[in-house]
Amino acid sequence: MPRKAKQPFGAKAAFVRAHLSTPPNELVKLAEQEGITLTIGHIYNIRSKLKKQQGGAPSVEAAAPERQPSSRDTSRDAASLDAQLRTLVIRIGLDRAERVFAELKASLARVV
């Protein structure tokens, strides 16, 4: 009795990744037609590992509709930006930061 042809390593996972929007029940049937043996549990495991590699499912905040920033949010953002600017000035040095600001000031004066 001849042996079955062995699928290359990762063929099942590649098949599942190629059909992410297909429901697991249909994917098992589709895999059988292609000569691949899959179970629903295996499909869920592959998809779960893929989500972990991609950073997980979107958070509730990411799925929530955008809202207008409150004044508290904008002041928090401004404070964060100030802190980032101070860090950059420290990293590049005060003399170089002053030259960069002078160049920026000159280029903005030309635009206005």
N, C-alpha and C. Protein backbone atom coordinates (compact mmCIF):
# COMPACT_ATOMS: atom_id res chain seq x y z
N MET A 1 0.84 -1.18 0.00
CA MET A 1 0.00 0.00 0.00
C MET A 1 0.89 1.25 0.00
N PRO A 2 0.70 2.15 -0.96
CA PRO A 2 1.56 3.33 -1.05
C PRO A 2 1.26 4.32 0.09
N ARG A 3 2.31 5.00 0.50
CA ARG A 3 2.16 6.00 1.55
C ARG A 3 1.55 7.28 0.99
N LYS A 4 0.89 7.99 1.90
CA LYS A 4 0.34 9.29 1.50
C LYS A 4 1.49 10.27 1.34
N ALA A 5 1.30 11.20 0.44
CA ALA A 5 2.30 12.26 0.27
C ALA A 5 2.23 13.17 1.50
N LYS A 6 3.37 13.43 2.09
CA LYS A 6 3.41 14.24 3.31
C LYS A 6 3.41 15.72 2.95
N GLN A 7 2.60 16.48 3.67
CA GLN A 7 2.54 17.92 3.47
C GLN A 7 3.81 18.56 4.01
N PRO A 8 4.28 19.64 3.38
CA PRO A 8 5.45 20.33 3.92
C PRO A 8 5.14 20.95 5.28
N PHE A 9 6.20 21.13 6.09
CA PHE A 9 6.04 21.69 7.42
C PHE A 9 5.39 23.07 7.33
N GLY A 10 4.34 23.26 8.11
CA GLY A 10 3.65 24.55 8.15
C GLY A 10 2.54 24.69 7.13
N ALA A 11 2.27 23.64 6.38
CA ALA A 11 1.26 23.73 5.33
C ALA A 11 -0.14 23.98 5.91
N LYS A 12 -0.43 23.34 7.04
CA LYS A 12 -1.75 23.53 7.66
C LYS A 12 -1.91 24.96 8.14
N ALA A 13 -0.89 25.47 8.80
CA ALA A 13 -0.95 26.84 9.31
C ALA A 13 -1.06 27.84 8.15
N ALA A 14 -0.32 27.60 7.09
CA ALA A 14 -0.37 28.49 5.93
C ALA A 14 -1.76 28.45 5.31
N PHE A 15 -2.36 27.26 5.27
CA PHE A 15 -3.70 27.13 4.72
C PHE A 15 -4.71 27.90 5.56
N VAL A 16 -4.60 27.79 6.87
CA VAL A 16 -5.53 28.49 7.77
C VAL A 16 -5.33 30.00 7.64
N ARG A 17 -4.07 30.45 7.59
CA ARG A 17 -3.80 31.89 7.45
C ARG A 17 -4.30 32.44 6.13
N ALA A 18 -4.34 31.61 5.11
CA ALA A 18 -4.81 32.06 3.80
C ALA A 18 -6.33 32.19 3.76
N HIS A 19 -7.02 31.62 4.76
CA HIS A 19 -8.49 31.65 4.79
C HIS A 19 -8.98 32.17 6.14
N LEU A 20 -8.50 33.34 6.56
CA LEU A 20 -8.83 33.85 7.89
C LEU A 20 -10.31 34.18 8.06
N SER A 21 -10.97 34.59 7.01
CA SER A 21 -12.37 34.98 7.16
C SER A 21 -13.34 33.80 7.02
N THR A 22 -12.83 32.63 6.68
CA THR A 22 -13.67 31.45 6.51
C THR A 22 -13.98 30.84 7.87
N PRO A 23 -15.26 30.56 8.14
CA PRO A 23 -15.61 29.92 9.42
C PRO A 23 -14.93 28.55 9.55
N PRO A 24 -14.59 28.16 10.78
CA PRO A 24 -13.85 26.91 10.99
C PRO A 24 -14.52 25.68 10.39
N ASN A 25 -15.85 25.55 10.51
CA ASN A 25 -16.54 24.37 9.95
C ASN A 25 -16.32 24.27 8.45
N GLU A 26 -16.45 25.39 7.76
CA GLU A 26 -16.26 25.40 6.31
C GLU A 26 -14.80 25.16 5.95
N LEU A 27 -13.90 25.67 6.80
CA LEU A 27 -12.47 25.53 6.54
C LEU A 27 -12.04 24.06 6.64
N VAL A 28 -12.63 23.31 7.58
CA VAL A 28 -12.32 21.88 7.70
C VAL A 28 -12.73 21.16 6.42
N LYS A 29 -13.91 21.47 5.90
CA LYS A 29 -14.39 20.84 4.66
C LYS A 29 -13.51 21.22 3.48
N LEU A 30 -13.13 22.50 3.41
CA LEU A 30 -12.28 22.98 2.33
C LEU A 30 -10.90 22.32 2.39
N ALA A 31 -10.39 22.14 3.60
CA ALA A 31 -9.08 21.49 3.77
C ALA A 31 -9.15 20.03 3.33
N GLU A 32 -10.24 19.35 3.66
CA GLU A 32 -10.40 17.95 3.23
C GLU A 32 -10.36 17.84 1.72
N GLN A 33 -10.98 18.79 1.02
CA GLN A 33 -10.96 18.78 -0.44
C GLN A 33 -9.54 18.95 -0.98
N GLU A 34 -8.70 19.66 -0.21
CA GLU A 34 -7.31 19.88 -0.63
C GLU A 34 -6.38 18.76 -0.15
N GLY A 35 -6.94 17.80 0.62
CA GLY A 35 -6.13 16.70 1.11
C GLY A 35 -5.41 17.01 2.41
N ILE A 36 -5.89 18.02 3.13
CA ILE A 36 -5.28 18.42 4.40
C ILE A 36 -6.23 18.04 5.52
N THR A 37 -5.71 17.38 6.56
CA THR A 37 -6.53 17.00 7.70
C THR A 37 -6.42 18.08 8.76
N LEU A 38 -7.53 18.73 9.06
CA LEU A 38 -7.59 19.78 10.07
C LEU A 38 -8.74 19.51 11.02
N THR A 39 -8.57 19.98 12.24
CA THR A 39 -9.69 19.95 13.18
C THR A 39 -10.03 21.39 13.54
N ILE A 40 -11.22 21.58 14.06
CA ILE A 40 -11.65 22.93 14.45
C ILE A 40 -10.73 23.46 15.54
N GLY A 41 -10.34 22.59 16.47
CA GLY A 41 -9.43 23.02 17.53
C GLY A 41 -8.09 23.49 16.99
N HIS A 42 -7.58 22.79 15.99
CA HIS A 42 -6.31 23.17 15.39
C HIS A 42 -6.44 24.54 14.72
N ILE A 43 -7.55 24.78 14.07
CA ILE A 43 -7.78 26.08 13.42
C ILE A 43 -7.78 27.20 14.46
N TYR A 44 -8.49 26.97 15.57
CA TYR A 44 -8.53 27.99 16.63
C TYR A 44 -7.13 28.22 17.21
N ASN A 45 -6.35 27.16 17.38
CA ASN A 45 -4.99 27.32 17.91
C ASN A 45 -4.11 28.14 16.96
N ILE A 46 -4.20 27.85 15.68
CA ILE A 46 -3.40 28.59 14.70
C ILE A 46 -3.81 30.06 14.68
N ARG A 47 -5.10 30.32 14.69
CA ARG A 47 -5.58 31.71 14.66
C ARG A 47 -5.22 32.44 15.95
N SER A 48 -5.26 31.74 17.07
CA SER A 48 -4.90 32.34 18.34
C SER A 48 -3.42 32.74 18.35
N LYS A 49 -2.58 31.86 17.86
CA LYS A 49 -1.15 32.15 17.81
C LYS A 49 -0.88 33.33 16.87
N LEU A 50 -1.62 33.40 15.78
CA LEU A 50 -1.46 34.50 14.84
C LEU A 50 -1.84 35.83 15.49
N LYS A 51 -2.93 35.84 16.26
CA LYS A 51 -3.34 37.06 16.95
C LYS A 51 -2.29 37.51 17.95
N LYS A 52 -1.69 36.55 18.66
CA LYS A 52 -0.64 36.89 19.62
C LYS A 52 0.57 37.49 18.91
N GLN A 53 0.92 36.94 17.76
CA GLN A 53 2.06 37.44 17.00
C GLN A 53 1.79 38.84 16.46
N GLN A 54 0.52 39.13 16.16
CA GLN A 54 0.16 40.44 15.62
C GLN A 54 -0.15 41.45 16.71
N GLY A 55 0.02 41.07 17.95
CA GLY A 55 -0.25 42.00 19.03
C GLY A 55 -1.62 41.85 19.63
N GLY A 56 -2.29 40.78 19.36
CA GLY A 56 -3.59 40.52 19.97
C GLY A 56 -4.73 41.18 19.23
N ALA A 57 -5.89 40.93 19.74
CA ALA A 57 -7.10 41.51 19.16
C ALA A 57 -7.14 42.99 19.52
N PRO A 58 -7.83 43.80 18.71
CA PRO A 58 -7.92 45.22 19.04
C PRO A 58 -8.60 45.42 20.37
N SER A 59 -8.11 46.38 21.12
CA SER A 59 -8.68 46.65 22.43
C SER A 59 -10.03 47.36 22.28
N VAL A 60 -10.75 47.45 23.38
CA VAL A 60 -12.04 48.13 23.37
C VAL A 60 -11.85 49.59 23.00
N GLU A 61 -10.77 50.20 23.48
CA GLU A 61 -10.50 51.59 23.16
C GLU A 61 -10.24 51.78 21.68
N ALA A 62 -9.55 50.84 21.06
CA ALA A 62 -9.26 50.96 19.64
C ALA A 62 -10.52 50.78 18.81
N ALA A 63 -11.44 49.97 19.28
CA ALA A 63 -12.67 49.72 18.53
C ALA A 63 -13.71 50.80 18.79
N ALA A 64 -13.54 51.58 19.86
CA ALA A 64 -14.51 52.62 20.20
C ALA A 64 -14.43 53.76 19.19
N PRO A 65 -15.54 54.41 18.91
CA PRO A 65 -15.51 55.53 17.98
C PRO A 65 -14.68 56.68 18.55
N GLU A 66 -14.10 57.47 17.65
CA GLU A 66 -13.28 58.58 18.11
C GLU A 66 -14.14 59.61 18.79
N ARG A 67 -13.55 60.20 19.82
CA ARG A 67 -14.27 61.24 20.55
C ARG A 67 -13.44 62.51 20.50
N GLN A 68 -14.08 63.62 20.77
CA GLN A 68 -13.37 64.90 20.81
C GLN A 68 -12.52 64.95 22.07
N PRO A 69 -11.28 65.40 21.96
CA PRO A 69 -10.44 65.46 23.15
C PRO A 69 -10.94 66.53 24.12
N SER A 70 -10.90 66.22 25.39
CA SER A 70 -11.29 67.20 26.39
C SER A 70 -10.11 68.10 26.68
N SER A 71 -10.35 69.18 27.41
CA SER A 71 -9.26 70.10 27.72
C SER A 71 -8.22 69.40 28.59
N ARG A 72 -8.66 68.44 29.40
CA ARG A 72 -7.72 67.70 30.24
C ARG A 72 -6.80 66.86 29.36
N ASP A 73 -7.35 66.26 28.28
CA ASP A 73 -6.53 65.46 27.37
C ASP A 73 -5.50 66.33 26.66
N THR A 74 -5.91 67.51 26.20
CA THR A 74 -4.98 68.36 25.46
C THR A 74 -3.89 68.89 26.37
N SER A 75 -4.21 69.18 27.63
CA SER A 75 -3.16 69.65 28.54
C SER A 75 -2.21 68.51 28.88
N ARG A 76 -2.73 67.28 28.96
CA ARG A 76 -1.89 66.12 29.21
C ARG A 76 -0.98 65.88 28.01
N ASP A 77 -1.53 66.04 26.79
CA ASP A 77 -0.73 65.87 25.59
C ASP A 77 0.36 66.93 25.51
N ALA A 78 0.02 68.18 25.85
CA ALA A 78 1.00 69.26 25.82
C ALA A 78 2.12 68.99 26.82
N ALA A 79 1.76 68.53 27.99
CA ALA A 79 2.78 68.22 29.00
C ALA A 79 3.69 67.10 28.53
N SER A 80 3.10 66.12 27.85
CA SER A 80 3.89 65.01 27.33
C SER A 80 4.85 65.50 26.24
N LEU A 81 4.36 66.37 25.37
CA LEU A 81 5.21 66.92 24.31
C LEU A 81 6.32 67.77 24.89
N ASP A 82 6.01 68.55 25.92
CA ASP A 82 7.04 69.36 26.59
C ASP A 82 8.13 68.46 27.15
N ALA A 83 7.73 67.37 27.78
CA ALA A 83 8.69 66.44 28.36
C ALA A 83 9.56 65.82 27.27
N GLN A 84 8.95 65.48 26.14
CA GLN A 84 9.71 64.90 25.03
C GLN A 84 10.72 65.91 24.49
N LEU A 85 10.29 67.16 24.36
CA LEU A 85 11.18 68.20 23.86
C LEU A 85 12.36 68.39 24.80
N ARG A 86 12.09 68.44 26.09
CA ARG A 86 13.18 68.59 27.06
C ARG A 86 14.17 67.43 26.97
N THR A 87 13.65 66.23 26.80
CA THR A 87 14.51 65.06 26.67
C THR A 87 15.39 65.16 25.43
N LEU A 88 14.78 65.60 24.32
CA LEU A 88 15.56 65.74 23.09
C LEU A 88 16.64 66.81 23.22
N VAL A 89 16.30 67.92 23.86
CA VAL A 89 17.29 68.99 24.05
C VAL A 89 18.46 68.46 24.88
N ILE A 90 18.16 67.70 25.90
CA ILE A 90 19.23 67.13 26.73
C ILE A 90 20.09 66.17 25.91
N ARG A 91 19.45 65.37 25.06
CA ARG A 91 20.19 64.38 24.28
C ARG A 91 21.09 65.01 23.23
N ILE A 92 20.60 66.06 22.54
CA ILE A 92 21.42 66.65 21.47
C ILE A 92 22.29 67.80 21.97
N GLY A 93 22.01 68.28 23.14
CA GLY A 93 22.80 69.38 23.70
C GLY A 93 22.11 70.70 23.46
N LEU A 94 22.30 71.62 24.38
CA LEU A 94 21.62 72.91 24.33
C LEU A 94 22.09 73.75 23.15
N ASP A 95 23.38 73.74 22.85
CA ASP A 95 23.90 74.55 21.73
C ASP A 95 23.29 74.10 20.40
N ARG A 96 23.29 72.81 20.17
CA ARG A 96 22.72 72.30 18.91
C ARG A 96 21.22 72.55 18.86
N ALA A 97 20.51 72.39 19.99
CA ALA A 97 19.07 72.64 20.03
C ALA A 97 18.78 74.10 19.69
N GLU A 98 19.61 75.03 20.20
CA GLU A 98 19.41 76.44 19.89
C GLU A 98 19.60 76.71 18.40
N ARG A 99 20.59 76.05 17.76
CA ARG A 99 20.79 76.20 16.31
C ARG A 99 19.58 75.68 15.54
N VAL A 100 19.06 74.52 15.98
CA VAL A 100 17.89 73.94 15.31
C VAL A 100 16.69 74.87 15.44
N PHE A 101 16.49 75.43 16.64
CA PHE A 101 15.37 76.35 16.85
C PHE A 101 15.54 77.62 16.02
N ALA A 102 16.77 78.11 15.89
CA ALA A 102 17.02 79.30 15.08
C ALA A 102 16.71 79.02 13.61
N GLU A 103 17.13 77.85 13.11
CA GLU A 103 16.81 77.47 11.73
C GLU A 103 15.31 77.35 11.53
N LEU A 104 14.65 76.75 12.48
CA LEU A 104 13.20 76.58 12.40
C LEU A 104 12.50 77.94 12.39
N LYS A 105 12.97 78.83 13.26
CA LYS A 105 12.39 80.17 13.35
C LYS A 105 12.55 80.92 12.03
N ALA A 106 13.74 80.80 11.42
CA ALA A 106 14.01 81.47 10.16
C ALA A 106 13.14 80.91 9.04
N SER A 107 13.00 79.60 9.00
CA SER A 107 12.19 79.00 7.93
C SER A 107 10.71 79.33 8.11
N LEU A 108 10.25 79.42 9.34
CA LEU A 108 8.85 79.82 9.58
C LEU A 108 8.63 81.28 9.24
N ALA A 109 9.62 82.12 9.46
CA ALA A 109 9.50 83.55 9.12
C ALA A 109 9.38 83.72 7.60
N ARG A 110 10.08 82.87 6.84
CA ARG A 110 10.00 82.96 5.38
C ARG A 110 8.63 82.54 4.88
N VAL A 111 8.01 81.59 5.55
CA VAL A 111 6.69 81.11 5.13
C VAL A 111 5.62 82.15 5.41
N VAL A 112 5.72 82.83 6.52
CA VAL A 112 4.70 83.80 6.93
C VAL A 112 4.94 85.10 6.31
